[in-house]
Amino acid sequence: MSKGNSPAFPCQDKDKQIWTGMNLRDYLALEAMHGLLEADHVKRDDIPAEAYRLADLMLDERMKYK
């Protein structure tokens, strides 16, 4: 499993089926986007790419401790 493909909110139903929903990379990018939307120094067109860049940095840092 690649570093960002793990589920952000995994859960399992009574039949032991696992529902993954949003992956961790997308979740981290979404959270980063919240802060970037408030920042005055980031152009709106750059926000999505910057959010994913930050998410990738967070995932890289997380992998150091696994």
N, C-alpha and C. Protein backbone atom coordinates (compact mmCIF):
# COMPACT_ATOMS: atom_id res chain seq x y z
N MET A 1 0.86 -1.18 0.00
CA MET A 1 0.00 0.00 0.00
C MET A 1 0.90 1.24 0.00
N SER A 2 0.64 2.15 -0.90
CA SER A 2 1.47 3.35 -0.96
C SER A 2 1.15 4.25 0.23
N LYS A 3 2.02 5.19 0.48
CA LYS A 3 1.91 5.99 1.69
C LYS A 3 0.60 6.75 1.83
N GLY A 4 -0.03 7.14 0.74
CA GLY A 4 -1.25 7.93 0.83
C GLY A 4 -2.53 7.19 0.53
N ASN A 5 -2.42 5.89 0.24
CA ASN A 5 -3.61 5.15 -0.12
C ASN A 5 -4.32 4.52 1.07
N SER A 6 -3.74 4.64 2.25
CA SER A 6 -4.43 4.07 3.41
C SER A 6 -5.67 4.90 3.69
N PRO A 7 -6.71 4.28 4.20
CA PRO A 7 -7.96 5.01 4.43
C PRO A 7 -7.83 6.02 5.56
N ALA A 8 -8.49 7.14 5.42
CA ALA A 8 -8.47 8.16 6.46
C ALA A 8 -9.37 7.76 7.62
N PHE A 9 -10.49 7.12 7.32
CA PHE A 9 -11.47 6.74 8.34
C PHE A 9 -11.95 5.31 8.09
N PRO A 10 -11.10 4.32 8.29
CA PRO A 10 -11.55 2.96 8.01
C PRO A 10 -12.60 2.51 9.02
N CYS A 11 -13.50 1.70 8.54
CA CYS A 11 -14.49 1.11 9.45
C CYS A 11 -14.91 -0.24 8.88
N GLN A 12 -15.52 -1.03 9.72
CA GLN A 12 -15.92 -2.37 9.32
C GLN A 12 -17.37 -2.58 9.73
N ASP A 13 -18.15 -3.16 8.83
CA ASP A 13 -19.54 -3.43 9.19
C ASP A 13 -19.67 -4.81 9.81
N LYS A 14 -20.89 -5.19 10.16
CA LYS A 14 -21.12 -6.46 10.85
C LYS A 14 -20.74 -7.67 10.01
N ASP A 15 -20.68 -7.52 8.69
CA ASP A 15 -20.30 -8.62 7.81
C ASP A 15 -18.81 -8.64 7.51
N LYS A 16 -18.06 -7.85 8.26
CA LYS A 16 -16.60 -7.77 8.14
C LYS A 16 -16.14 -7.14 6.82
N GLN A 17 -17.03 -6.38 6.17
CA GLN A 17 -16.62 -5.64 4.98
C GLN A 17 -16.00 -4.33 5.46
N ILE A 18 -14.91 -3.97 4.85
CA ILE A 18 -14.23 -2.74 5.24
C ILE A 18 -14.59 -1.63 4.26
N TRP A 19 -15.02 -0.52 4.81
CA TRP A 19 -15.36 0.67 4.02
C TRP A 19 -14.25 1.69 4.24
N THR A 20 -13.65 2.11 3.17
CA THR A 20 -12.49 2.99 3.33
C THR A 20 -12.81 4.46 3.12
N GLY A 21 -13.68 4.79 2.19
CA GLY A 21 -13.99 6.19 1.94
C GLY A 21 -12.77 6.96 1.45
N MET A 22 -12.58 8.13 1.97
CA MET A 22 -11.51 9.03 1.55
C MET A 22 -10.15 8.46 1.99
N ASN A 23 -9.15 8.60 1.10
CA ASN A 23 -7.83 8.13 1.51
C ASN A 23 -7.12 9.21 2.34
N LEU A 24 -6.08 8.80 3.01
CA LEU A 24 -5.38 9.68 3.93
C LEU A 24 -4.76 10.89 3.22
N ARG A 25 -4.23 10.69 2.04
CA ARG A 25 -3.62 11.81 1.29
C ARG A 25 -4.65 12.88 0.97
N ASP A 26 -5.83 12.46 0.51
CA ASP A 26 -6.88 13.42 0.21
C ASP A 26 -7.35 14.15 1.47
N TYR A 27 -7.45 13.41 2.56
CA TYR A 27 -7.88 14.04 3.82
C TYR A 27 -6.87 15.10 4.28
N LEU A 28 -5.58 14.75 4.22
CA LEU A 28 -4.57 15.72 4.64
C LEU A 28 -4.54 16.93 3.71
N ALA A 29 -4.73 16.72 2.42
CA ALA A 29 -4.79 17.84 1.48
C ALA A 29 -5.99 18.73 1.78
N LEU A 30 -7.11 18.12 2.09
CA LEU A 30 -8.30 18.88 2.44
C LEU A 30 -8.06 19.74 3.67
N GLU A 31 -7.43 19.16 4.68
CA GLU A 31 -7.14 19.92 5.89
C GLU A 31 -6.15 21.05 5.62
N ALA A 32 -5.13 20.78 4.80
CA ALA A 32 -4.17 21.82 4.45
C ALA A 32 -4.84 22.95 3.68
N MET A 33 -5.82 22.57 2.86
CA MET A 33 -6.52 23.56 2.06
C MET A 33 -7.25 24.58 2.94
N HIS A 34 -7.75 24.14 4.08
CA HIS A 34 -8.43 25.06 4.99
C HIS A 34 -7.50 26.21 5.38
N GLY A 35 -6.29 25.87 5.76
CA GLY A 35 -5.32 26.89 6.14
C GLY A 35 -4.90 27.75 4.96
N LEU A 36 -4.72 27.13 3.82
CA LEU A 36 -4.28 27.88 2.64
C LEU A 36 -5.34 28.88 2.17
N LEU A 37 -6.60 28.54 2.37
CA LEU A 37 -7.67 29.46 1.98
C LEU A 37 -7.64 30.74 2.83
N GLU A 38 -7.12 30.64 4.04
CA GLU A 38 -7.02 31.79 4.93
C GLU A 38 -5.73 32.59 4.71
N ALA A 39 -4.77 32.00 4.03
CA ALA A 39 -3.47 32.66 3.82
C ALA A 39 -3.57 33.73 2.74
N ASP A 40 -2.97 34.86 3.01
CA ASP A 40 -2.98 35.96 2.04
C ASP A 40 -1.90 35.81 0.96
N HIS A 41 -0.88 35.02 1.23
CA HIS A 41 0.26 34.94 0.33
C HIS A 41 0.14 33.84 -0.74
N VAL A 42 -0.96 33.09 -0.74
CA VAL A 42 -1.14 32.01 -1.71
C VAL A 42 -2.23 32.38 -2.70
N LYS A 43 -1.90 32.31 -4.00
CA LYS A 43 -2.91 32.59 -5.02
C LYS A 43 -3.93 31.46 -5.07
N ARG A 44 -5.17 31.78 -5.27
CA ARG A 44 -6.25 30.79 -5.28
C ARG A 44 -5.99 29.65 -6.27
N ASP A 45 -5.44 29.97 -7.43
CA ASP A 45 -5.17 28.93 -8.42
C ASP A 45 -4.10 27.94 -7.97
N ASP A 46 -3.26 28.35 -7.03
CA ASP A 46 -2.17 27.49 -6.55
C ASP A 46 -2.57 26.62 -5.36
N ILE A 47 -3.72 26.88 -4.78
CA ILE A 47 -4.11 26.21 -3.55
C ILE A 47 -4.21 24.69 -3.69
N PRO A 48 -4.87 24.14 -4.69
CA PRO A 48 -4.96 22.67 -4.76
C PRO A 48 -3.59 21.98 -4.83
N ALA A 49 -2.72 22.46 -5.70
CA ALA A 49 -1.39 21.85 -5.83
C ALA A 49 -0.59 22.00 -4.54
N GLU A 50 -0.69 23.15 -3.92
CA GLU A 50 0.03 23.39 -2.66
C GLU A 50 -0.52 22.51 -1.55
N ALA A 51 -1.82 22.30 -1.53
CA ALA A 51 -2.43 21.44 -0.51
C ALA A 51 -1.91 20.01 -0.65
N TYR A 52 -1.82 19.50 -1.87
CA TYR A 52 -1.30 18.15 -2.06
C TYR A 52 0.19 18.08 -1.79
N ARG A 53 0.91 19.14 -2.09
CA ARG A 53 2.35 19.17 -1.75
C ARG A 53 2.53 19.05 -0.25
N LEU A 54 1.74 19.79 0.51
CA LEU A 54 1.82 19.73 1.97
C LEU A 54 1.39 18.36 2.49
N ALA A 55 0.35 17.80 1.89
CA ALA A 55 -0.10 16.46 2.30
C ALA A 55 1.02 15.44 2.08
N ASP A 56 1.70 15.54 0.95
CA ASP A 56 2.79 14.61 0.67
C ASP A 56 3.94 14.78 1.67
N LEU A 57 4.22 16.01 2.05
CA LEU A 57 5.24 16.25 3.06
C LEU A 57 4.85 15.63 4.40
N MET A 58 3.58 15.76 4.77
CA MET A 58 3.11 15.17 6.03
C MET A 58 3.21 13.64 5.97
N LEU A 59 2.86 13.06 4.84
CA LEU A 59 2.94 11.61 4.70
C LEU A 59 4.39 11.14 4.73
N ASP A 60 5.29 11.88 4.10
CA ASP A 60 6.71 11.53 4.15
C ASP A 60 7.22 11.56 5.58
N GLU A 61 6.84 12.58 6.32
CA GLU A 61 7.26 12.70 7.71
C GLU A 61 6.69 11.55 8.54
N ARG A 62 5.45 11.21 8.28
CA ARG A 62 4.80 10.11 9.00
C ARG A 62 5.51 8.79 8.77
N MET A 63 5.99 8.56 7.55
CA MET A 63 6.67 7.31 7.21
C MET A 63 7.99 7.14 7.97
N LYS A 64 8.58 8.23 8.41
CA LYS A 64 9.83 8.16 9.17
C LYS A 64 9.65 7.45 10.49
N TYR A 65 8.43 7.44 11.01
CA TYR A 65 8.18 6.90 12.33
C TYR A 65 7.41 5.59 12.30
N LYS A 66 7.26 5.02 11.15
CA LYS A 66 6.55 3.73 11.03
C LYS A 66 7.53 2.58 11.00
